[in-house]
């Protein structure tokens, strides 16, 4: 599965992206289909299909994803006005790419939108 995963291909630099952050564990880049002025994907480099695959050894990376979201929100100027952090989990949860990732969404009012 990881060989064909688009996010794994981005991590391996087989597919171009415009990373705004990258380290040993994570990569963050703009969503190709943004739903708001700020729509960034934060993706762990290690393939996990979704939250159900995350185990107790993955708590650190999950926390790092959330902390990075806050850092990017500050850098993008949406921390003060507010933003949303979303993890879609599984088909019914709206997950399109079967690789754990979170969406940082902001730059407009999301108060009356679900998900």
N, C-alpha and C. Protein backbone atom coordinates (compact mmCIF):
# COMPACT_ATOMS: atom_id res chain seq x y z
N UNK A 1 0.84 -1.20 0.00
CA UNK A 1 0.00 0.00 0.00
C UNK A 1 0.87 1.25 0.00
N UNK A 2 1.90 1.30 0.84
CA UNK A 2 2.75 2.49 0.93
C UNK A 2 3.45 2.80 -0.40
N UNK A 3 3.72 1.78 -1.20
CA UNK A 3 4.40 2.01 -2.48
C UNK A 3 3.53 2.84 -3.41
N UNK A 4 2.21 2.69 -3.33
CA UNK A 4 1.29 3.38 -4.22
C UNK A 4 0.67 4.62 -3.60
N UNK A 5 0.90 4.84 -2.33
CA UNK A 5 0.29 5.96 -1.60
C UNK A 5 0.86 7.29 -2.09
N UNK A 6 -0.02 8.23 -2.44
CA UNK A 6 0.42 9.52 -2.96
C UNK A 6 1.25 10.29 -1.93
N UNK A 7 0.87 10.21 -0.65
CA UNK A 7 1.65 10.92 0.36
C UNK A 7 3.02 10.28 0.56
N UNK A 8 3.10 8.95 0.47
CA UNK A 8 4.40 8.29 0.55
C UNK A 8 5.27 8.69 -0.64
N UNK A 9 4.65 8.84 -1.80
CA UNK A 9 5.40 9.29 -2.98
C UNK A 9 5.90 10.72 -2.80
N UNK A 10 5.10 11.56 -2.15
CA UNK A 10 5.54 12.93 -1.86
C UNK A 10 6.72 12.89 -0.89
N UNK A 11 6.62 12.07 0.14
CA UNK A 11 7.71 11.94 1.12
C UNK A 11 8.99 11.49 0.43
N UNK A 12 8.87 10.55 -0.52
CA UNK A 12 10.05 10.03 -1.24
C UNK A 12 10.49 10.94 -2.38
N UNK A 13 9.81 12.08 -2.56
CA UNK A 13 10.13 13.05 -3.61
C UNK A 13 9.89 12.51 -5.01
N UNK A 14 9.01 11.53 -5.12
CA UNK A 14 8.62 11.00 -6.43
C UNK A 14 7.51 11.84 -7.05
N UNK A 15 6.80 12.58 -6.24
CA UNK A 15 5.73 13.49 -6.67
C UNK A 15 6.07 14.86 -6.09
N UNK A 16 6.06 15.90 -6.91
CA UNK A 16 6.42 17.23 -6.39
C UNK A 16 5.34 17.78 -5.45
N UNK A 17 5.81 18.54 -4.50
CA UNK A 17 4.91 19.27 -3.59
C UNK A 17 5.60 20.59 -3.27
N UNK A 18 4.91 21.43 -2.56
CA UNK A 18 5.47 22.72 -2.15
C UNK A 18 5.56 22.73 -0.63
N UNK A 19 6.50 21.97 -0.04
CA UNK A 19 6.54 21.87 1.41
C UNK A 19 6.76 23.24 2.08
N UNK A 20 6.00 23.48 3.12
CA UNK A 20 6.23 24.67 3.93
C UNK A 20 6.96 24.29 5.21
N UNK A 21 7.03 22.98 5.47
CA UNK A 21 7.76 22.46 6.63
C UNK A 21 8.13 21.02 6.33
N UNK A 22 9.33 20.64 6.78
CA UNK A 22 9.74 19.25 6.66
C UNK A 22 10.84 18.97 7.67
N UNK A 23 10.70 17.84 8.34
CA UNK A 23 11.77 17.36 9.21
C UNK A 23 11.84 15.84 9.09
N UNK A 24 12.49 15.20 10.01
CA UNK A 24 12.66 13.74 9.96
C UNK A 24 11.32 13.00 10.02
N UNK A 25 10.33 13.57 10.73
CA UNK A 25 9.08 12.87 10.99
C UNK A 25 7.90 13.34 10.15
N UNK A 26 7.86 14.62 9.79
CA UNK A 26 6.67 15.22 9.20
C UNK A 26 6.98 16.03 7.96
N UNK A 27 5.98 16.17 7.12
CA UNK A 27 6.03 17.10 6.00
C UNK A 27 4.68 17.83 5.97
N UNK A 28 4.71 19.11 5.68
CA UNK A 28 3.48 19.91 5.59
C UNK A 28 3.50 20.68 4.28
N UNK A 29 2.35 20.68 3.60
CA UNK A 29 2.25 21.34 2.30
C UNK A 29 0.80 21.77 2.07
N UNK A 30 0.59 22.74 1.17
CA UNK A 30 -0.78 23.20 0.88
C UNK A 30 -1.63 22.09 0.25
N UNK A 31 -2.90 22.04 0.63
CA UNK A 31 -3.84 21.12 0.02
C UNK A 31 -4.08 21.55 -1.44
N UNK A 32 -4.15 20.58 -2.34
CA UNK A 32 -4.39 20.89 -3.75
C UNK A 32 -5.80 21.40 -4.01
N UNK A 33 -6.73 21.11 -3.11
CA UNK A 33 -8.12 21.53 -3.24
C UNK A 33 -8.55 22.25 -1.97
N UNK A 34 -8.04 23.45 -1.75
CA UNK A 34 -8.31 24.14 -0.48
C UNK A 34 -9.78 24.52 -0.32
N UNK A 35 -10.23 24.43 0.92
CA UNK A 35 -11.60 24.84 1.25
C UNK A 35 -11.62 26.18 1.98
N UNK A 36 -10.43 26.75 2.19
CA UNK A 36 -10.29 28.04 2.87
C UNK A 36 -8.97 28.66 2.40
N UNK A 37 -8.78 29.96 2.67
CA UNK A 37 -7.53 30.60 2.26
C UNK A 37 -6.27 29.91 2.80
N UNK A 38 -6.36 29.37 4.01
CA UNK A 38 -5.26 28.57 4.56
C UNK A 38 -5.77 27.14 4.67
N UNK A 39 -5.14 26.24 3.95
CA UNK A 39 -5.50 24.82 4.02
C UNK A 39 -4.22 24.03 3.80
N UNK A 40 -3.64 23.60 4.91
CA UNK A 40 -2.35 22.92 4.91
C UNK A 40 -2.54 21.49 5.39
N UNK A 41 -1.87 20.55 4.74
CA UNK A 41 -1.87 19.16 5.18
C UNK A 41 -0.59 18.90 5.97
N UNK A 42 -0.74 18.26 7.11
CA UNK A 42 0.40 17.84 7.92
C UNK A 42 0.40 16.31 7.90
N UNK A 43 1.49 15.74 7.38
CA UNK A 43 1.55 14.32 7.07
C UNK A 43 2.76 13.69 7.75
N UNK A 44 2.55 12.61 8.51
CA UNK A 44 3.71 11.88 9.03
C UNK A 44 4.41 11.15 7.89
N UNK A 45 5.72 11.11 7.94
CA UNK A 45 6.46 10.45 6.87
C UNK A 45 6.30 8.93 6.92
N UNK A 46 6.12 8.38 8.10
CA UNK A 46 5.89 6.95 8.22
C UNK A 46 4.44 6.66 7.85
N UNK A 47 4.23 5.69 7.01
CA UNK A 47 2.88 5.37 6.56
C UNK A 47 2.06 4.72 7.68
N UNK A 48 0.94 5.33 7.96
CA UNK A 48 -0.12 4.76 8.80
C UNK A 48 -1.40 5.05 8.04
N UNK A 49 -2.26 4.08 7.89
CA UNK A 49 -3.46 4.31 7.10
C UNK A 49 -4.36 5.36 7.73
N UNK A 50 -4.59 5.26 9.04
CA UNK A 50 -5.44 6.24 9.73
C UNK A 50 -5.19 6.14 11.23
N UNK A 51 -6.00 6.81 12.02
CA UNK A 51 -5.81 6.78 13.47
C UNK A 51 -5.93 5.39 14.05
N UNK A 52 -6.70 4.54 13.42
CA UNK A 52 -6.84 3.17 13.92
C UNK A 52 -5.52 2.41 13.88
N UNK A 53 -4.61 2.80 12.99
CA UNK A 53 -3.30 2.17 12.89
C UNK A 53 -2.30 2.72 13.90
N UNK A 54 -2.61 3.86 14.50
CA UNK A 54 -1.68 4.47 15.45
C UNK A 54 -1.71 3.70 16.76
N UNK A 55 -0.54 3.39 17.24
CA UNK A 55 -0.41 2.67 18.51
C UNK A 55 0.21 3.55 19.58
N UNK A 56 0.48 2.97 20.74
CA UNK A 56 1.04 3.76 21.84
C UNK A 56 2.40 4.34 21.49
N UNK A 57 3.13 3.74 20.60
CA UNK A 57 4.43 4.28 20.19
C UNK A 57 4.29 5.47 19.25
N UNK A 58 3.08 5.74 18.78
CA UNK A 58 2.84 6.84 17.85
C UNK A 58 2.31 8.10 18.53
N UNK A 59 2.16 8.06 19.85
CA UNK A 59 1.64 9.22 20.58
C UNK A 59 2.51 10.45 20.34
N UNK A 60 3.81 10.28 20.29
CA UNK A 60 4.73 11.40 20.06
C UNK A 60 4.51 12.06 18.71
N UNK A 61 4.35 11.27 17.68
CA UNK A 61 4.17 11.85 16.34
C UNK A 61 2.81 12.53 16.24
N UNK A 62 1.79 11.97 16.89
CA UNK A 62 0.47 12.61 16.87
C UNK A 62 0.53 13.97 17.57
N UNK A 63 1.22 14.02 18.69
CA UNK A 63 1.38 15.30 19.39
C UNK A 63 2.19 16.28 18.57
N UNK A 64 3.21 15.78 17.90
CA UNK A 64 4.04 16.65 17.06
C UNK A 64 3.22 17.24 15.90
N UNK A 65 2.30 16.45 15.35
CA UNK A 65 1.43 16.94 14.28
C UNK A 65 0.57 18.11 14.79
N UNK A 66 0.03 17.97 16.00
CA UNK A 66 -0.80 19.04 16.55
C UNK A 66 0.02 20.29 16.86
N UNK A 67 1.20 20.12 17.44
CA UNK A 67 2.06 21.27 17.74
C UNK A 67 2.47 21.99 16.46
N UNK A 68 2.79 21.22 15.42
CA UNK A 68 3.17 21.83 14.14
C UNK A 68 1.99 22.61 13.56
N UNK A 69 0.79 22.09 13.73
CA UNK A 69 -0.39 22.81 13.25
C UNK A 69 -0.49 24.19 13.90
N UNK A 70 -0.29 24.25 15.20
CA UNK A 70 -0.34 25.53 15.90
C UNK A 70 0.77 26.47 15.41
N UNK A 71 1.95 25.93 15.19
CA UNK A 71 3.07 26.74 14.70
C UNK A 71 2.75 27.32 13.32
N UNK A 72 2.24 26.48 12.43
CA UNK A 72 1.89 26.94 11.08
C UNK A 72 0.75 27.95 11.14
N UNK A 73 -0.23 27.72 12.00
CA UNK A 73 -1.34 28.67 12.14
C UNK A 73 -0.81 30.04 12.54
N UNK A 74 0.16 30.08 13.43
CA UNK A 74 0.79 31.35 13.81
C UNK A 74 1.50 31.97 12.62
N UNK A 75 2.27 31.17 11.90
CA UNK A 75 3.02 31.67 10.74
C UNK A 75 2.10 32.19 9.64
N UNK A 76 0.95 31.56 9.47
CA UNK A 76 0.00 31.94 8.42
C UNK A 76 -0.96 33.03 8.86
N UNK A 77 -0.86 33.45 10.12
CA UNK A 77 -1.67 34.57 10.60
C UNK A 77 -3.11 34.23 10.95
N UNK A 78 -3.40 32.96 11.20
CA UNK A 78 -4.77 32.59 11.55
C UNK A 78 -4.94 32.16 13.00
N UNK A 79 -3.86 32.15 13.76
CA UNK A 79 -3.94 31.69 15.14
C UNK A 79 -4.85 32.56 16.00
N UNK A 80 -4.79 33.85 15.80
CA UNK A 80 -5.58 34.77 16.62
C UNK A 80 -7.06 34.73 16.27
N UNK A 81 -7.39 34.64 14.99
CA UNK A 81 -8.80 34.65 14.58
C UNK A 81 -9.43 33.27 14.69
N UNK A 82 -8.63 32.23 14.65
CA UNK A 82 -9.12 30.87 14.80
C UNK A 82 -8.91 30.02 13.56
N UNK A 83 -8.83 28.75 13.80
CA UNK A 83 -8.60 27.78 12.73
C UNK A 83 -9.14 26.44 13.17
N UNK A 84 -9.20 25.52 12.24
CA UNK A 84 -9.69 24.18 12.52
C UNK A 84 -8.60 23.17 12.19
N UNK A 85 -8.50 22.14 13.02
CA UNK A 85 -7.61 21.01 12.77
C UNK A 85 -8.51 19.79 12.64
N UNK A 86 -8.42 19.12 11.48
CA UNK A 86 -9.33 18.01 11.18
C UNK A 86 -8.52 16.78 10.77
N UNK A 87 -8.91 15.64 11.33
CA UNK A 87 -8.40 14.35 10.85
C UNK A 87 -9.61 13.56 10.40
N UNK A 88 -9.70 13.32 9.10
CA UNK A 88 -10.76 12.47 8.55
C UNK A 88 -10.27 11.03 8.67
N UNK A 89 -11.10 10.17 9.24
CA UNK A 89 -10.69 8.80 9.53
C UNK A 89 -11.63 7.81 8.86
N UNK A 90 -11.12 7.12 7.85
CA UNK A 90 -11.92 6.12 7.16
C UNK A 90 -12.86 6.73 6.13
N UNK A 91 -13.43 5.87 5.32
CA UNK A 91 -14.28 6.30 4.21
C UNK A 91 -15.48 7.13 4.68
N UNK A 92 -16.19 6.65 5.68
CA UNK A 92 -17.35 7.39 6.18
C UNK A 92 -16.95 8.70 6.86
N UNK A 93 -15.71 8.78 7.32
CA UNK A 93 -15.21 10.00 7.93
C UNK A 93 -14.69 11.01 6.92
N UNK A 94 -14.74 10.65 5.63
CA UNK A 94 -14.31 11.56 4.58
C UNK A 94 -12.84 11.46 4.21
N UNK A 95 -12.15 10.43 4.69
CA UNK A 95 -10.74 10.28 4.35
C UNK A 95 -10.62 9.84 2.90
N UNK A 96 -9.91 10.64 2.10
CA UNK A 96 -9.73 10.35 0.68
C UNK A 96 -8.42 9.63 0.43
N UNK A 97 -7.35 10.08 1.07
CA UNK A 97 -6.03 9.45 0.92
C UNK A 97 -5.81 8.54 2.12
N UNK A 98 -5.56 7.25 1.88
CA UNK A 98 -5.40 6.31 2.99
C UNK A 98 -4.01 6.39 3.63
N UNK A 99 -3.69 7.55 4.13
CA UNK A 99 -2.44 7.81 4.86
C UNK A 99 -2.81 8.87 5.89
N UNK A 100 -2.59 8.58 7.16
CA UNK A 100 -2.94 9.51 8.22
C UNK A 100 -2.41 10.90 7.90
N UNK A 101 -3.25 11.91 8.05
CA UNK A 101 -2.85 13.30 7.86
C UNK A 101 -3.87 14.19 8.53
N UNK A 102 -3.47 15.41 8.80
CA UNK A 102 -4.45 16.36 9.32
C UNK A 102 -4.51 17.57 8.43
N UNK A 103 -5.66 18.21 8.47
CA UNK A 103 -5.93 19.42 7.71
C UNK A 103 -5.92 20.59 8.68
N UNK A 104 -5.11 21.59 8.42
CA UNK A 104 -5.15 22.87 9.12
C UNK A 104 -5.90 23.82 8.21
N UNK A 105 -7.05 24.30 8.67
CA UNK A 105 -7.94 25.11 7.83
C UNK A 105 -8.24 26.42 8.54
N UNK A 106 -8.06 27.53 7.85
CA UNK A 106 -8.35 28.83 8.45
C UNK A 106 -8.36 29.93 7.43
N UNK A 107 -8.53 31.14 7.92
CA UNK A 107 -8.53 32.30 7.04
C UNK A 107 -9.92 32.77 6.67
N UNK A 108 -10.94 32.10 7.17
CA UNK A 108 -12.33 32.53 6.99
C UNK A 108 -13.13 31.92 8.14
N UNK A 109 -14.34 32.41 8.34
CA UNK A 109 -15.17 31.87 9.40
C UNK A 109 -15.61 30.45 9.06
N UNK A 110 -15.39 29.55 9.99
CA UNK A 110 -15.81 28.16 9.82
C UNK A 110 -16.90 27.80 10.84
N UNK A 111 -17.45 28.82 11.48
CA UNK A 111 -18.37 28.61 12.59
C UNK A 111 -19.62 27.83 12.20
N UNK A 112 -20.07 27.94 10.98
CA UNK A 112 -21.30 27.27 10.57
C UNK A 112 -21.07 26.15 9.57
N UNK A 113 -19.85 25.62 9.58
CA UNK A 113 -19.52 24.51 8.69
C UNK A 113 -19.11 23.30 9.50
N UNK A 114 -19.62 22.16 9.15
CA UNK A 114 -19.24 20.92 9.82
C UNK A 114 -18.05 20.33 9.08
N UNK A 115 -17.08 19.83 9.86
CA UNK A 115 -15.93 19.14 9.27
C UNK A 115 -15.03 20.08 8.63
